Amino acid sequence: ITSHGSQVHGELKTKLFPLVKVIFSFHSSQSKSTIKKNCSLAEVLKEGTNFAFKVMRLSQGTSIQKIINTMWFANKHDEGIMFPEHFKPFPYPTLALVLTAVSLPPVLCLYLH
């Protein structure tokens, strides 16, 4: 994971996008009102500590586990299945990557446009 950091980060952001939508209650629609609501929600989450508290709450639930499963354990060709010795115990740097990806403003900014 560490030797392919930028590739893993990009893949994580791609896989994380639909989960962020559900986790933070963004809505899919091309209507102006929905887009406006999504933008407002993203702005609120970006303000001050709102996002940090939301991420902290996520880490206490199953959402972080869902992200990890989606990224590394979704099918028989994923790294977690093919190389289980690298994920027992689950590496702290990898967990940090997940938490960082969730808290990155660019993930939220995708909802600002």
PDB file of N, CA and C in Angstrom:
ATOM      1  N   ILE A   1       0.842  -1.186   0.000  1.00  0.00           N
ATOM      2  CA  ILE A   1       0.000   0.000   0.000  1.00  0.00           C
ATOM      3  C   ILE A   1       0.881   1.242   0.000  1.00  0.00           C
ATOM      4  N   THR A   2       1.910   1.245   0.839  1.00  0.00           N
ATOM      5  CA  THR A   2       2.736   2.439   0.941  1.00  0.00           C
ATOM      6  C   THR A   2       3.548   2.686  -0.324  1.00  0.00           C
ATOM      7  N   SER A   3       3.905   1.624  -1.059  1.00  0.00           N
ATOM      8  CA  SER A   3       4.693   1.826  -2.274  1.00  0.00           C
ATOM      9  C   SER A   3       3.858   2.334  -3.438  1.00  0.00           C
ATOM     10  N   HIS A   4       2.546   2.228  -3.350  1.00  0.00           N
ATOM     11  CA  HIS A   4       1.655   2.719  -4.403  1.00  0.00           C
ATOM     12  C   HIS A   4       0.651   3.714  -3.826  1.00  0.00           C
ATOM     13  N   GLY A   5       1.145   4.583  -2.956  1.00  0.00           N
ATOM     14  CA  GLY A   5       0.277   5.491  -2.205  1.00  0.00           C
ATOM     15  C   GLY A   5      -0.656   6.324  -3.037  1.00  0.00           C
ATOM     16  N   SER A   6      -0.153   6.993  -4.078  1.00  0.00           N
ATOM     17  CA  SER A   6      -1.024   7.878  -4.846  1.00  0.00           C
ATOM     18  C   SER A   6      -2.067   7.087  -5.631  1.00  0.00           C
ATOM     19  N   GLN A   7      -1.710   5.905  -6.125  1.00  0.00           N
ATOM     20  CA  GLN A   7      -2.672   5.065  -6.835  1.00  0.00           C
ATOM     21  C   GLN A   7      -3.760   4.595  -5.879  1.00  0.00           C
ATOM     22  N   VAL A   8      -3.348   4.163  -4.695  1.00  0.00           N
ATOM     23  CA  VAL A   8      -4.308   3.702  -3.694  1.00  0.00           C
ATOM     24  C   VAL A   8      -5.214   4.849  -3.278  1.00  0.00           C
ATOM     25  N   HIS A   9      -4.627   6.032  -3.092  1.00  0.00           N
ATOM     26  CA  HIS A   9      -5.422   7.204  -2.693  1.00  0.00           C
ATOM     27  C   HIS A   9      -6.475   7.521  -3.755  1.00  0.00           C
ATOM     28  N   GLY A  10      -6.076   7.498  -5.033  1.00  0.00           N
ATOM     29  CA  GLY A  10      -7.028   7.769  -6.113  1.00  0.00           C
ATOM     30  C   GLY A  10      -8.126   6.728  -6.190  1.00  0.00           C
ATOM     31  N   GLU A  11      -7.759   5.464  -6.048  1.00  0.00           N
ATOM     32  CA  GLU A  11      -8.739   4.388  -6.074  1.00  0.00           C
ATOM     33  C   GLU A  11      -9.695   4.505  -4.882  1.00  0.00           C
ATOM     34  N   LEU A  12      -9.147   4.853  -3.732  1.00  0.00           N
ATOM     35  CA  LEU A  12      -9.972   5.013  -2.537  1.00  0.00           C
ATOM     36  C   LEU A  12     -10.978   6.139  -2.722  1.00  0.00           C
ATOM     37  N   LYS A  13     -10.534   7.277  -3.267  1.00  0.00           N
ATOM     38  CA  LYS A  13     -11.466   8.385  -3.510  1.00  0.00           C
ATOM     39  C   LYS A  13     -12.575   7.979  -4.472  1.00  0.00           C
ATOM     40  N   THR A  14     -12.230   7.217  -5.509  1.00  0.00           N
ATOM     41  CA  THR A  14     -13.224   6.764  -6.482  1.00  0.00           C
ATOM     42  C   THR A  14     -14.249   5.844  -5.823  1.00  0.00           C
ATOM     43  N   LYS A  15     -13.778   4.911  -5.017  1.00  0.00           N
ATOM     44  CA  LYS A  15     -14.683   3.979  -4.348  1.00  0.00           C
ATOM     45  C   LYS A  15     -15.434   4.643  -3.194  1.00  0.00           C
ATOM     46  N   LEU A  16     -14.840   5.670  -2.636  1.00  0.00           N
ATOM     47  CA  LEU A  16     -15.425   6.353  -1.491  1.00  0.00           C
ATOM     48  C   LEU A  16     -16.578   7.268  -1.890  1.00  0.00           C
ATOM     49  N   PHE A  17     -16.528   7.820  -3.089  1.00  0.00           N
ATOM     50  CA  PHE A  17     -17.530   8.812  -3.516  1.00  0.00           C
ATOM     51  C   PHE A  17     -18.968   8.337  -3.298  1.00  0.00           C
ATOM     52  N   PRO A  18     -19.356   7.135  -3.777  1.00  0.00           N
ATOM     53  CA  PRO A  18     -20.752   6.723  -3.543  1.00  0.00           C
ATOM     54  C   PRO A  18     -21.070   6.485  -2.065  1.00  0.00           C
ATOM     55  N   LEU A  19     -20.070   6.056  -1.293  1.00  0.00           N
ATOM     56  CA  LEU A  19     -20.306   5.856   0.142  1.00  0.00           C
ATOM     57  C   LEU A  19     -20.479   7.182   0.864  1.00  0.00           C
ATOM     58  N   VAL A  20     -19.695   8.177   0.484  1.00  0.00           N
ATOM     59  CA  VAL A  20     -19.823   9.514   1.089  1.00  0.00           C
ATOM     60  C   VAL A  20     -21.220  10.057   0.843  1.00  0.00           C
ATOM     61  N   LYS A  21     -21.731   9.792  -0.339  1.00  0.00           N
ATOM     62  CA  LYS A  21     -23.078  10.238  -0.683  1.00  0.00           C
ATOM     63  C   LYS A  21     -24.094   9.695   0.328  1.00  0.00           C
ATOM     64  N   VAL A  22     -23.990   8.431   0.643  1.00  0.00           N
ATOM     65  CA  VAL A  22     -24.929   7.805   1.575  1.00  0.00           C
ATOM     66  C   VAL A  22     -24.639   8.230   3.009  1.00  0.00           C
ATOM     67  N   ILE A  23     -23.371   8.181   3.400  1.00  0.00           N
ATOM     68  CA  ILE A  23     -22.980   8.471   4.775  1.00  0.00           C
ATOM     69  C   ILE A  23     -23.388   9.884   5.193  1.00  0.00           C
ATOM     70  N   PHE A  24     -23.189  10.852   4.301  1.00  0.00           N
ATOM     71  CA  PHE A  24     -23.465  12.247   4.644  1.00  0.00           C
ATOM     72  C   PHE A  24     -24.813  12.731   4.139  1.00  0.00           C
ATOM     73  N   SER A  25     -25.616  11.825   3.591  1.00  0.00           N
ATOM     74  CA  SER A  25     -26.987  12.127   3.141  1.00  0.00           C
ATOM     75  C   SER A  25     -27.055  13.113   1.981  1.00  0.00           C
ATOM     76  N   PHE A  26     -26.124  13.001   1.034  1.00  0.00           N
ATOM     77  CA  PHE A  26     -26.239  13.767  -0.204  1.00  0.00           C
ATOM     78  C   PHE A  26     -27.260  13.062  -1.083  1.00  0.00           C
ATOM     79  N   HIS A  27     -27.894  13.817  -1.990  1.00  0.00           N
ATOM     80  CA  HIS A  27     -28.934  13.258  -2.854  1.00  0.00           C
ATOM     81  C   HIS A  27     -28.523  13.349  -4.312  1.00  0.00           C
ATOM     82  N   SER A  28     -28.975  12.372  -5.093  1.00  0.00           N
ATOM     83  CA  SER A  28     -28.696  12.352  -6.533  1.00  0.00           C
ATOM     84  C   SER A  28     -29.864  12.974  -7.271  1.00  0.00           C
ATOM     85  N   SER A  29     -29.571  14.002  -8.001  1.00  0.00           N
ATOM     86  CA  SER A  29     -30.572  14.638  -8.841  1.00  0.00           C
ATOM     87  C   SER A  29     -29.904  15.772  -9.606  1.00  0.00           C
ATOM     88  N   GLN A  30     -30.446  16.072 -10.746  1.00  0.00           N
ATOM     89  CA  GLN A  30     -29.956  17.206 -11.518  1.00  0.00           C
ATOM     90  C   GLN A  30     -30.788  18.467 -11.262  1.00  0.00           C
ATOM     91  N   SER A  31     -31.794  18.346 -10.387  1.00  0.00           N
ATOM     92  CA  SER A  31     -32.633  19.512 -10.121  1.00  0.00           C
ATOM     93  C   SER A  31     -31.831  20.573  -9.373  1.00  0.00           C
ATOM     94  N   LYS A  32     -32.136  21.807  -9.672  1.00  0.00           N
ATOM     95  CA  LYS A  32     -31.414  22.915  -9.041  1.00  0.00           C
ATOM     96  C   LYS A  32     -31.580  22.917  -7.534  1.00  0.00           C
ATOM     97  N   SER A  33     -32.755  22.543  -7.041  1.00  0.00           N
ATOM     98  CA  SER A  33     -32.978  22.554  -5.593  1.00  0.00           C
ATOM     99  C   SER A  33     -32.132  21.485  -4.895  1.00  0.00           C
ATOM    100  N   THR A  34     -32.014  20.302  -5.502  1.00  0.00           N
ATOM    101  CA  THR A  34     -31.190  19.247  -4.906  1.00  0.00           C
ATOM    102  C   THR A  34     -29.723  19.629  -4.932  1.00  0.00           C
ATOM    103  N   ILE A  35     -29.276  20.178  -6.039  1.00  0.00           N
ATOM    104  CA  ILE A  35     -27.885  20.626  -6.149  1.00  0.00           C
ATOM    105  C   ILE A  35     -27.592  21.687  -5.101  1.00  0.00           C
ATOM    106  N   LYS A  36     -28.535  22.593  -4.913  1.00  0.00           N
ATOM    107  CA  LYS A  36     -28.363  23.646  -3.913  1.00  0.00           C
ATOM    108  C   LYS A  36     -28.296  23.052  -2.502  1.00  0.00           C
ATOM    109  N   LYS A  37     -29.144  22.074  -2.208  1.00  0.00           N
ATOM    110  CA  LYS A  37     -29.120  21.423  -0.894  1.00  0.00           C
ATOM    111  C   LYS A  37     -27.796  20.694  -0.677  1.00  0.00           C
ATOM    112  N   ASN A  38     -27.314  19.985  -1.696  1.00  0.00           N
ATOM    113  CA  ASN A  38     -26.028  19.287  -1.583  1.00  0.00           C
ATOM    114  C   ASN A  38     -24.890  20.271  -1.346  1.00  0.00           C
ATOM    115  N   CYS A  39     -24.915  21.386  -2.057  1.00  0.00           N
ATOM    116  CA  CYS A  39     -23.878  22.409  -1.863  1.00  0.00           C
ATOM    117  C   CYS A  39     -23.936  22.976  -0.450  1.00  0.00           C
ATOM    118  N   SER A  40     -25.132  23.244   0.025  1.00  0.00           N
ATOM    119  CA  SER A  40     -25.284  23.767   1.385  1.00  0.00           C
ATOM    120  C   SER A  40     -24.778  22.772   2.419  1.00  0.00           C
ATOM    121  N   LEU A  41     -25.108  21.501   2.239  1.00  0.00           N
ATOM    122  CA  LEU A  41     -24.648  20.469   3.160  1.00  0.00           C
ATOM    123  C   LEU A  41     -23.123  20.378   3.145  1.00  0.00           C
ATOM    124  N   ALA A  42     -22.521  20.405   1.957  1.00  0.00           N
ATOM    125  CA  ALA A  42     -21.062  20.350   1.854  1.00  0.00           C
ATOM    126  C   ALA A  42     -20.423  21.552   2.537  1.00  0.00           C
ATOM    127  N   GLU A  43     -21.000  22.722   2.368  1.00  0.00           N
ATOM    128  CA  GLU A  43     -20.461  23.929   3.004  1.00  0.00           C
ATOM    129  C   GLU A  43     -20.563  23.833   4.527  1.00  0.00           C
ATOM    130  N   VAL A  44     -21.687  23.329   5.026  1.00  0.00           N
ATOM    131  CA  VAL A  44     -21.868  23.172   6.476  1.00  0.00           C
ATOM    132  C   VAL A  44     -20.840  22.184   7.026  1.00  0.00           C
ATOM    133  N   LEU A  45     -20.644  21.073   6.309  1.00  0.00           N
ATOM    134  CA  LEU A  45     -19.676  20.068   6.762  1.00  0.00           C
ATOM    135  C   LEU A  45     -18.256  20.605   6.756  1.00  0.00           C
ATOM    136  N   LYS A  46     -17.960  21.509   5.827  1.00  0.00           N
ATOM    137  CA  LYS A  46     -16.601  22.055   5.737  1.00  0.00           C
ATOM    138  C   LYS A  46     -16.319  23.109   6.795  1.00  0.00           C
ATOM    139  N   GLU A  47     -17.359  23.702   7.378  1.00  0.00           N
ATOM    140  CA  GLU A  47     -17.188  24.775   8.354  1.00  0.00           C
ATOM    141  C   GLU A  47     -16.663  24.245   9.683  1.00  0.00           C
ATOM    142  N   GLY A  48     -15.670  24.896  10.181  1.00  0.00           N
ATOM    143  CA  GLY A  48     -15.165  24.616  11.528  1.00  0.00           C
ATOM    144  C   GLY A  48     -14.917  23.150  11.790  1.00  0.00           C
ATOM    145  N   THR A  49     -15.487  22.660  12.870  1.00  0.00           N
ATOM    146  CA  THR A  49     -15.246  21.279  13.286  1.00  0.00           C
ATOM    147  C   THR A  49     -16.391  20.345  12.912  1.00  0.00           C
ATOM    148  N   ASN A  50     -17.386  20.837  12.180  1.00  0.00           N
ATOM    149  CA  ASN A  50     -18.525  19.984  11.831  1.00  0.00           C
ATOM    150  C   ASN A  50     -18.099  18.679  11.195  1.00  0.00           C
ATOM    151  N   PHE A  51     -17.226  18.776  10.202  1.00  0.00           N
ATOM    152  CA  PHE A  51     -16.800  17.596   9.472  1.00  0.00           C
ATOM    153  C   PHE A  51     -15.998  16.661  10.362  1.00  0.00           C
ATOM    154  N   ALA A  52     -15.131  17.232  11.181  1.00  0.00           N
ATOM    155  CA  ALA A  52     -14.312  16.403  12.075  1.00  0.00           C
ATOM    156  C   ALA A  52     -15.196  15.595  13.018  1.00  0.00           C
ATOM    157  N   PHE A  53     -16.234  16.229  13.562  1.00  0.00           N
ATOM    158  CA  PHE A  53     -17.124  15.502  14.459  1.00  0.00           C
ATOM    159  C   PHE A  53     -17.893  14.419  13.717  1.00  0.00           C
ATOM    160  N   LYS A  54     -18.304  14.702  12.486  1.00  0.00           N
ATOM    161  CA  LYS A  54     -19.014  13.703  11.694  1.00  0.00           C
ATOM    162  C   LYS A  54     -18.097  12.516  11.408  1.00  0.00           C
ATOM    163  N   VAL A  55     -16.838  12.769  11.067  1.00  0.00           N
ATOM    164  CA  VAL A  55     -15.878  11.696  10.807  1.00  0.00           C
ATOM    165  C   VAL A  55     -15.632  10.887  12.074  1.00  0.00           C
ATOM    166  N   MET A  56     -15.547  11.565  13.225  1.00  0.00           N
ATOM    167  CA  MET A  56     -15.348  10.852  14.490  1.00  0.00           C
ATOM    168  C   MET A  56     -16.525   9.919  14.762  1.00  0.00           C
ATOM    169  N   ARG A  57     -17.731  10.379  14.471  1.00  0.00           N
ATOM    170  CA  ARG A  57     -18.905   9.535  14.672  1.00  0.00           C
ATOM    171  C   ARG A  57     -18.873   8.340  13.722  1.00  0.00           C
ATOM    172  N   LEU A  58     -18.391   8.565  12.492  1.00  0.00           N
ATOM    173  CA  LEU A  58     -18.284   7.479  11.528  1.00  0.00           C
ATOM    174  C   LEU A  58     -17.366   6.386  12.029  1.00  0.00           C
ATOM    175  N   SER A  59     -16.261   6.793  12.621  1.00  0.00           N
ATOM    176  CA  SER A  59     -15.275   5.810  13.050  1.00  0.00           C
ATOM    177  C   SER A  59     -15.801   4.933  14.176  1.00  0.00           C
ATOM    178  N   GLN A  60     -16.846   5.389  14.847  1.00  0.00           N
ATOM    179  CA  GLN A  60     -17.422   4.591  15.923  1.00  0.00           C
ATOM    180  C   GLN A  60     -18.446   3.590  15.392  1.00  0.00           C
ATOM    181  N   GLY A  61     -18.857   3.752  14.151  1.00  0.00           N
ATOM    182  CA  GLY A  61     -19.876   2.873  13.588  1.00  0.00           C
ATOM    183  C   GLY A  61     -19.308   1.932  12.555  1.00  0.00           C
ATOM    184  N   THR A  62     -20.183   1.468  11.708  1.00  0.00           N
ATOM    185  CA  THR A  62     -19.778   0.492  10.703  1.00  0.00           C
ATOM    186  C   THR A  62     -19.371   1.141   9.388  1.00  0.00           C
ATOM    187  N   SER A  63     -19.495   2.450   9.254  1.00  0.00           N
ATOM    188  CA  SER A  63     -19.195   3.108   7.997  1.00  0.00           C
ATOM    189  C   SER A  63     -17.738   2.963   7.597  1.00  0.00           C
ATOM    190  N   ILE A  64     -16.833   3.099   8.548  1.00  0.00           N
ATOM    191  CA  ILE A  64     -15.414   2.937   8.246  1.00  0.00           C
ATOM    192  C   ILE A  64     -15.160   1.509   7.798  1.00  0.00           C
ATOM    193  N   GLN A  65     -15.804   0.547   8.442  1.00  0.00           N
ATOM    194  CA  GLN A  65     -15.646  -0.850   8.037  1.00  0.00           C
ATOM    195  C   GLN A  65     -16.165  -1.063   6.619  1.00  0.00           C
ATOM    196  N   LYS A  66     -17.266  -0.423   6.265  1.00  0.00           N
ATOM    197  CA  LYS A  66     -17.798  -0.535   4.903  1.00  0.00           C
ATOM    198  C   LYS A  66     -16.806   0.007   3.884  1.00  0.00           C
ATOM    199  N   ILE A  67     -16.170   1.118   4.209  1.00  0.00           N
ATOM    200  CA  ILE A  67     -15.180   1.703   3.311  1.00  0.00           C
ATOM    201  C   ILE A  67     -14.007   0.740   3.138  1.00  0.00           C
ATOM    202  N   ILE A  68     -13.521   0.197   4.241  1.00  0.00           N
ATOM    203  CA  ILE A  68     -12.399  -0.747   4.196  1.00  0.00           C
ATOM    204  C   ILE A  68     -12.785  -1.985   3.384  1.00  0.00           C
ATOM    205  N   ASN A  69     -13.967  -2.506   3.621  1.00  0.00           N
ATOM    206  CA  ASN A  69     -14.414  -3.680   2.874  1.00  0.00           C
ATOM    207  C   ASN A  69     -14.530  -3.384   1.384  1.00  0.00           C
ATOM    208  N   THR A  70     -15.064  -2.223   1.045  1.00  0.00           N
ATOM    209  CA  THR A  70     -15.207  -1.840  -0.359  1.00  0.00           C
ATOM    210  C   THR A  70     -13.857  -1.708  -1.041  1.00  0.00           C
ATOM    211  N   MET A  71     -12.897  -1.190  -0.333  1.00  0.00           N
ATOM    212  CA  MET A  71     -11.585  -0.929  -0.920  1.00  0.00           C
ATOM    213  C   MET A  71     -10.720  -2.175  -1.017  1.00  0.00           C
ATOM    214  N   TRP A  72     -10.672  -2.982   0.019  1.00  0.00           N
ATOM    215  CA  TRP A  72      -9.687  -4.066   0.071  1.00  0.00           C
ATOM    216  C   TRP A  72     -10.257  -5.480   0.162  1.00  0.00           C
ATOM    217  N   PHE A  73     -11.577  -5.616   0.360  1.00  0.00           N
ATOM    218  CA  PHE A  73     -12.133  -6.952   0.570  1.00  0.00           C
ATOM    219  C   PHE A  73     -13.404  -7.212  -0.239  1.00  0.00           C
ATOM    220  N   ALA A  74     -13.647  -6.480  -1.300  1.00  0.00           N
ATOM    221  CA  ALA A  74     -14.902  -6.600  -2.040  1.00  0.00           C
ATOM    222  C   ALA A  74     -14.975  -7.855  -2.911  1.00  0.00           C
ATOM    223  N   ASN A  75     -13.846  -8.299  -3.451  1.00  0.00           N
ATOM    224  CA  ASN A  75     -13.867  -9.495  -4.293  1.00  0.00           C
ATOM    225  C   ASN A  75     -12.558 -10.268  -4.153  1.00  0.00           C
ATOM    226  N   LYS A  76     -12.500 -11.425  -4.757  1.00  0.00           N
ATOM    227  CA  LYS A  76     -11.351 -12.320  -4.562  1.00  0.00           C
ATOM    228  C   LYS A  76     -10.048 -11.781  -5.128  1.00  0.00           C
ATOM    229  N   HIS A  77     -10.108 -10.729  -5.942  1.00  0.00           N
ATOM    230  CA  HIS A  77      -8.896 -10.146  -6.512  1.00  0.00           C
ATOM    231  C   HIS A  77      -8.393  -8.931  -5.721  1.00  0.00           C
ATOM    232  N   ASP A  78      -9.131  -8.512  -4.712  1.00  0.00           N
ATOM    233  CA  ASP A  78      -8.708  -7.365  -3.902  1.00  0.00           C
ATOM    234  C   ASP A  78      -7.556  -7.753  -2.987  1.00  0.00           C
ATOM    235  N   GLU A  79      -6.765  -6.763  -2.629  1.00  0.00           N
ATOM    236  CA  GLU A  79      -5.543  -6.982  -1.856  1.00  0.00           C
ATOM    237  C   GLU A  79      -5.790  -7.677  -0.523  1.00  0.00           C
ATOM    238  N   GLY A  80      -6.857  -7.324   0.149  1.00  0.00           N
ATOM    239  CA  GLY A  80      -7.139  -7.907   1.453  1.00  0.00           C
ATOM    240  C   GLY A  80      -7.408  -9.401   1.393  1.00  0.00           C
ATOM    241  N   ILE A  81      -7.968  -9.846   0.278  1.00  0.00           N
ATOM    242  CA  ILE A  81      -8.239 -11.263   0.084  1.00  0.00           C
ATOM    243  C   ILE A  81      -6.977 -11.982  -0.398  1.00  0.00           C
ATOM    244  N   MET A  82      -6.264 -11.360  -1.331  1.00  0.00           N
ATOM    245  CA  MET A  82      -5.086 -11.993  -1.914  1.00  0.00           C
ATOM    246  C   MET A  82      -3.879 -12.011  -0.968  1.00  0.00           C
ATOM    247  N   PHE A  83      -3.776 -10.979  -0.112  1.00  0.00           N
ATOM    248  CA  PHE A  83      -2.628 -10.858   0.787  1.00  0.00           C
ATOM    249  C   PHE A  83      -3.100 -10.623   2.227  1.00  0.00           C
ATOM    250  N   PRO A  84      -3.802 -11.582   2.795  1.00  0.00           N
ATOM    251  CA  PRO A  84      -4.376 -11.364   4.132  1.00  0.00           C
ATOM    252  C   PRO A  84      -3.322 -11.094   5.205  1.00  0.00           C
ATOM    253  N   GLU A  85      -2.112 -11.581   4.991  1.00  0.00           N
ATOM    254  CA  GLU A  85      -1.052 -11.362   5.980  1.00  0.00           C
ATOM    255  C   GLU A  85      -0.710  -9.883   6.144  1.00  0.00           C
ATOM    256  N   HIS A  86      -1.025  -9.069   5.133  1.00  0.00           N
ATOM    257  CA  HIS A  86      -0.757  -7.632   5.218  1.00  0.00           C
ATOM    258  C   HIS A  86      -1.872  -6.874   5.950  1.00  0.00           C
ATOM    259  N   PHE A  87      -2.953  -7.568   6.245  1.00  0.00           N
ATOM    260  CA  PHE A  87      -4.104  -6.909   6.864  1.00  0.00           C
ATOM    261  C   PHE A  87      -4.464  -7.492   8.224  1.00  0.00           C
ATOM    262  N   LYS A  88      -3.608  -8.322   8.776  1.00  0.00           N
ATOM    263  CA  LYS A  88      -3.813  -8.894  10.108  1.00  0.00           C
ATOM    264  C   LYS A  88      -2.585  -8.613  10.944  1.00  0.00           C
ATOM    265  N   PRO A  89      -2.655  -7.725  11.872  1.00  0.00           N
ATOM    266  CA  PRO A  89      -3.768  -6.803  12.137  1.00  0.00           C
ATOM    267  C   PRO A  89      -3.844  -5.730  11.052  1.00  0.00           C
ATOM    268  N   PHE A  90      -4.970  -5.048  11.019  1.00  0.00           N
ATOM    269  CA  PHE A  90      -5.155  -4.007  10.015  1.00  0.00           C
ATOM    270  C   PHE A  90      -4.151  -2.885  10.276  1.00  0.00           C
ATOM    271  N   PRO A  91      -3.376  -2.494   9.255  1.00  0.00           N
ATOM    272  CA  PRO A  91      -2.305  -1.504   9.470  1.00  0.00           C
ATOM    273  C   PRO A  91      -2.826  -0.109   9.825  1.00  0.00           C
ATOM    274  N   TYR A  92      -2.228   0.485  10.834  1.00  0.00           N
ATOM    275  CA  TYR A  92      -2.607   1.843  11.230  1.00  0.00           C
ATOM    276  C   TYR A  92      -2.431   2.853  10.093  1.00  0.00           C
ATOM    277  N   PRO A  93      -1.348   2.786   9.306  1.00  0.00           N
ATOM    278  CA  PRO A  93      -1.224   3.744   8.202  1.00  0.00           C
ATOM    279  C   PRO A  93      -2.371   3.632   7.187  1.00  0.00           C
ATOM    280  N   THR A  94      -2.869   2.419   7.000  1.00  0.00           N
ATOM    281  CA  THR A  94      -3.986   2.218   6.074  1.00  0.00           C
ATOM    282  C   THR A  94      -5.269   2.806   6.654  1.00  0.00           C
ATOM    283  N   LEU A  95      -5.471   2.631   7.948  1.00  0.00           N
ATOM    284  CA  LEU A  95      -6.620   3.245   8.603  1.00  0.00           C
ATOM    285  C   LEU A  95      -6.517   4.771   8.521  1.00  0.00           C
ATOM    286  N   ALA A  96      -5.323   5.293   8.710  1.00  0.00           N
ATOM    287  CA  ALA A  96      -5.113   6.742   8.593  1.00  0.00           C
ATOM    288  C   ALA A  96      -5.449   7.217   7.182  1.00  0.00           C
ATOM    289  N   LEU A  97      -5.086   6.429   6.176  1.00  0.00           N
ATOM    290  CA  LEU A  97      -5.419   6.773   4.795  1.00  0.00           C
ATOM    291  C   LEU A  97      -6.921   6.852   4.599  1.00  0.00           C
ATOM    292  N   VAL A  98      -7.645   5.890   5.148  1.00  0.00           N
ATOM    293  CA  VAL A  98      -9.107   5.881   5.029  1.00  0.00           C
ATOM    294  C   VAL A  98      -9.702   7.117   5.703  1.00  0.00           C
ATOM    295  N   LEU A  99      -9.271   7.396   6.918  1.00  0.00           N
ATOM    296  CA  LEU A  99      -9.806   8.555   7.647  1.00  0.00           C
ATOM    297  C   LEU A  99      -9.444   9.860   6.947  1.00  0.00           C
ATOM    298  N   THR A 100      -8.263   9.925   6.377  1.00  0.00           N
ATOM    299  CA  THR A 100      -7.854  11.124   5.644  1.00  0.00           C
ATOM    300  C   THR A 100      -8.694  11.294   4.389  1.00  0.00           C
ATOM    301  N   ALA A 101      -8.909  10.199   3.670  1.00  0.00           N
ATOM    302  CA  ALA A 101      -9.705  10.284   2.442  1.00  0.00           C
ATOM    303  C   ALA A 101     -11.131  10.721   2.732  1.00  0.00           C
ATOM    304  N   VAL A 102     -11.699  10.233   3.822  1.00  0.00           N
ATOM    305  CA  VAL A 102     -13.059  10.628   4.196  1.00  0.00           C
ATOM    306  C   VAL A 102     -13.108  12.108   4.533  1.00  0.00           C
ATOM    307  N   SER A 103     -12.058  12.603   5.168  1.00  0.00           N
ATOM    308  CA  SER A 103     -12.093  13.987   5.642  1.00  0.00           C
ATOM    309  C   SER A 103     -11.533  14.984   4.648  1.00  0.00           C
ATOM    310  N   LEU A 104     -11.148  14.536   3.469  1.00  0.00           N
ATOM    311  CA  LEU A 104     -10.591  15.468   2.491  1.00  0.00           C
ATOM    312  C   LEU A 104     -11.660  16.392   1.935  1.00  0.00           C
ATOM    313  N   PRO A 105     -11.432  17.687   1.969  1.00  0.00           N
ATOM    314  CA  PRO A 105     -12.386  18.607   1.355  1.00  0.00           C
ATOM    315  C   PRO A 105     -12.682  18.304  -0.112  1.00  0.00           C
ATOM    316  N   PRO A 106     -11.721  17.788  -0.930  1.00  0.00           N
ATOM    317  CA  PRO A 106     -12.070  17.498  -2.323  1.00  0.00           C
ATOM    318  C   PRO A 106     -13.208  16.497  -2.480  1.00  0.00           C
ATOM    319  N   VAL A 107     -13.330  15.561  -1.546  1.00  0.00           N
ATOM    320  CA  VAL A 107     -14.450  14.627  -1.617  1.00  0.00           C
ATOM    321  C   VAL A 107     -15.756  15.400  -1.454  1.00  0.00           C
ATOM    322  N   LEU A 108     -15.776  16.322  -0.523  1.00  0.00           N
ATOM    323  CA  LEU A 108     -16.971  17.159  -0.341  1.00  0.00           C
ATOM    324  C   LEU A 108     -17.159  18.107  -1.513  1.00  0.00           C
ATOM    325  N   CYS A 109     -16.062  18.618  -2.025  1.00  0.00           N
ATOM    326  CA  CYS A 109     -16.152  19.607  -3.103  1.00  0.00           C
ATOM    327  C   CYS A 109     -16.781  19.041  -4.358  1.00  0.00           C
ATOM    328  N   LEU A 110     -16.764  17.725  -4.514  1.00  0.00           N
ATOM    329  CA  LEU A 110     -17.426  17.124  -5.655  1.00  0.00           C
ATOM    330  C   LEU A 110     -18.915  17.444  -5.633  1.00  0.00           C
ATOM    331  N   TYR A 111     -19.436  17.721  -4.445  1.00  0.00           N
ATOM    332  CA  TYR A 111     -20.853  18.068  -4.334  1.00  0.00           C
ATOM    333  C   TYR A 111     -21.107  19.565  -4.442  1.00  0.00           C
ATOM    334  N   LEU A 112     -20.047  20.322  -4.602  1.00  0.00           N
ATOM    335  CA  LEU A 112     -20.217  21.771  -4.682  1.00  0.00           C
ATOM    336  C   LEU A 112     -20.423  22.249  -6.112  1.00  0.00           C
ATOM    337  N   HIS A 113     -20.295  21.356  -7.070  1.00  0.00           N
ATOM    338  CA  HIS A 113     -20.427  21.757  -8.479  1.00  0.00           C
ATOM    339  C   HIS A 113     -21.599  21.090  -9.132  1.00  0.00           C
TER     340      HIS A 113
END
